[in-house]
Every structure is written in C-alpha cells, then in structure tokens.
Amino acid sequence: MIKGTVLIATDICKGCELCVAACPQHCLTLSKQINTKGYRFAELKNEECTGCVNCALVCPDAAITVYRQAKIKKAV
C-alpha cells in the first residue's frame, strides 16, 4: 500500500470539513484548537493516509498539500 501524509496550512483553513468528508481512509478531523482567524482547522488524526489527494482537490482555500512516499522498486 502507498503511504501518504498531508500538510495543512492551519492559518488558511476555515474548518469547512469538505476534506474530512472526502477522505476515504477517514484520516482527517477538525482540531479542538482554533487558528488565528477563529476557526477550528483540519488535522491528520491517523497514519492511514494513502495520498489519494481527495482532500486537496475539494479544499476551497488550497490549504492542503499531499505528499506520497516513493514506491520501492523490487530488485530483479
């Protein structure tokens, strides 16, 4: 399985929860903390992320960057 992770610009996030709904692995949640604009922001809650990019595609504020680990090539 491909591993991924997300980086969320917490000061940009408005807590709309579109990314939470779009994540098939249920990796995202809203934090209990509040950002500088007064919104609860999205955060990664577990390590099940596959780097599918759904969260970044639905984010209206482009606050999410997705990273994937490179595939390990098998020696032939």
Protein backbone atom coordinates (compact mmCIF):
# COMPACT_ATOMS: atom_id res chain seq x y z
CA MET A 1 0.00 0.00 0.00
CA ILE A 2 1.21 3.51 -0.78
CA LYS A 3 1.74 5.72 2.25
CA GLY A 4 0.96 9.39 2.23
CA THR A 5 0.64 12.36 4.52
CA VAL A 6 -0.87 15.82 4.38
CA LEU A 7 0.35 19.22 5.40
CA ILE A 8 -2.42 21.64 6.32
CA ALA A 9 -1.89 25.39 6.38
CA THR A 10 -3.74 25.91 9.64
CA ASP A 11 -3.94 29.69 9.31
CA ILE A 12 -5.72 29.35 5.94
CA CYS A 13 -8.15 26.54 6.87
CA LYS A 14 -11.70 27.68 7.68
CA GLY A 15 -12.89 24.33 9.02
CA CYS A 16 -15.46 23.67 6.28
CA GLU A 17 -14.98 19.88 6.72
CA LEU A 18 -15.08 19.14 2.99
CA CYS A 19 -11.72 17.37 3.30
CA VAL A 20 -12.98 15.31 6.24
CA ALA A 21 -15.95 14.10 4.19
CA ALA A 22 -13.81 13.44 1.09
CA CYS A 23 -11.20 11.24 2.82
CA PRO A 24 -11.88 7.55 2.08
CA GLN A 25 -9.45 6.47 4.83
CA HIS A 26 -11.07 8.75 7.46
CA CYS A 27 -7.69 10.32 8.25
CA LEU A 28 -8.81 13.88 8.84
CA THR A 29 -10.74 15.57 11.62
CA LEU A 30 -11.27 19.08 12.93
CA SER A 31 -8.92 20.05 15.72
CA LYS A 32 -10.07 21.18 19.12
CA GLN A 33 -7.78 24.21 18.75
CA ILE A 34 -8.64 27.44 16.95
CA ASN A 35 -6.47 29.19 14.36
CA THR A 36 -5.66 32.91 14.25
CA LYS A 37 -8.87 33.63 12.34
CA GLY A 38 -11.06 31.89 14.93
CA TYR A 39 -11.75 28.65 13.02
CA ARG A 40 -11.20 25.06 14.03
CA PHE A 41 -8.84 23.67 11.40
CA ALA A 42 -8.43 20.24 9.83
CA GLU A 43 -5.70 17.93 11.08
CA LEU A 44 -4.39 14.44 10.38
CA LYS A 45 -5.76 12.02 13.00
CA ASN A 46 -4.13 8.73 11.99
CA GLU A 47 -1.45 7.22 9.77
CA GLU A 48 -3.78 5.52 7.28
CA CYS A 49 -3.33 8.19 4.59
CA THR A 50 -2.67 6.76 1.11
CA GLY A 51 -2.00 10.10 -0.57
CA CYS A 52 -5.15 9.90 -2.70
CA VAL A 53 -5.34 13.73 -2.93
CA ASN A 54 -9.14 13.87 -2.49
CA CYS A 55 -8.79 16.28 0.43
CA ALA A 56 -6.63 18.72 -1.51
CA LEU A 57 -8.95 18.63 -4.53
CA VAL A 58 -12.03 19.63 -2.54
CA CYS A 59 -10.35 22.27 -0.35
CA PRO A 60 -11.76 25.65 -1.45
CA ASP A 61 -8.85 27.52 0.14
CA ALA A 62 -5.98 25.34 -1.17
CA ALA A 63 -4.86 24.82 2.42
CA ILE A 64 -3.83 21.16 1.96
CA THR A 65 -0.68 19.74 0.40
CA VAL A 66 -0.45 15.96 -0.05
CA TYR A 67 2.83 14.04 -0.01
CA ARG A 68 3.36 10.41 -1.05
CA GLN A 69 6.25 8.12 -0.31
CA ALA A 70 8.06 6.89 -3.39
CA LYS A 71 7.28 3.34 -4.42
CA ILE A 72 10.01 0.90 -3.51
CA LYS A 73 11.29 -0.83 -6.63
CA LYS A 74 11.92 -4.53 -6.33
CA ALA A 75 15.31 -5.80 -7.45
CA VAL A 76 15.03 -8.10 -10.44
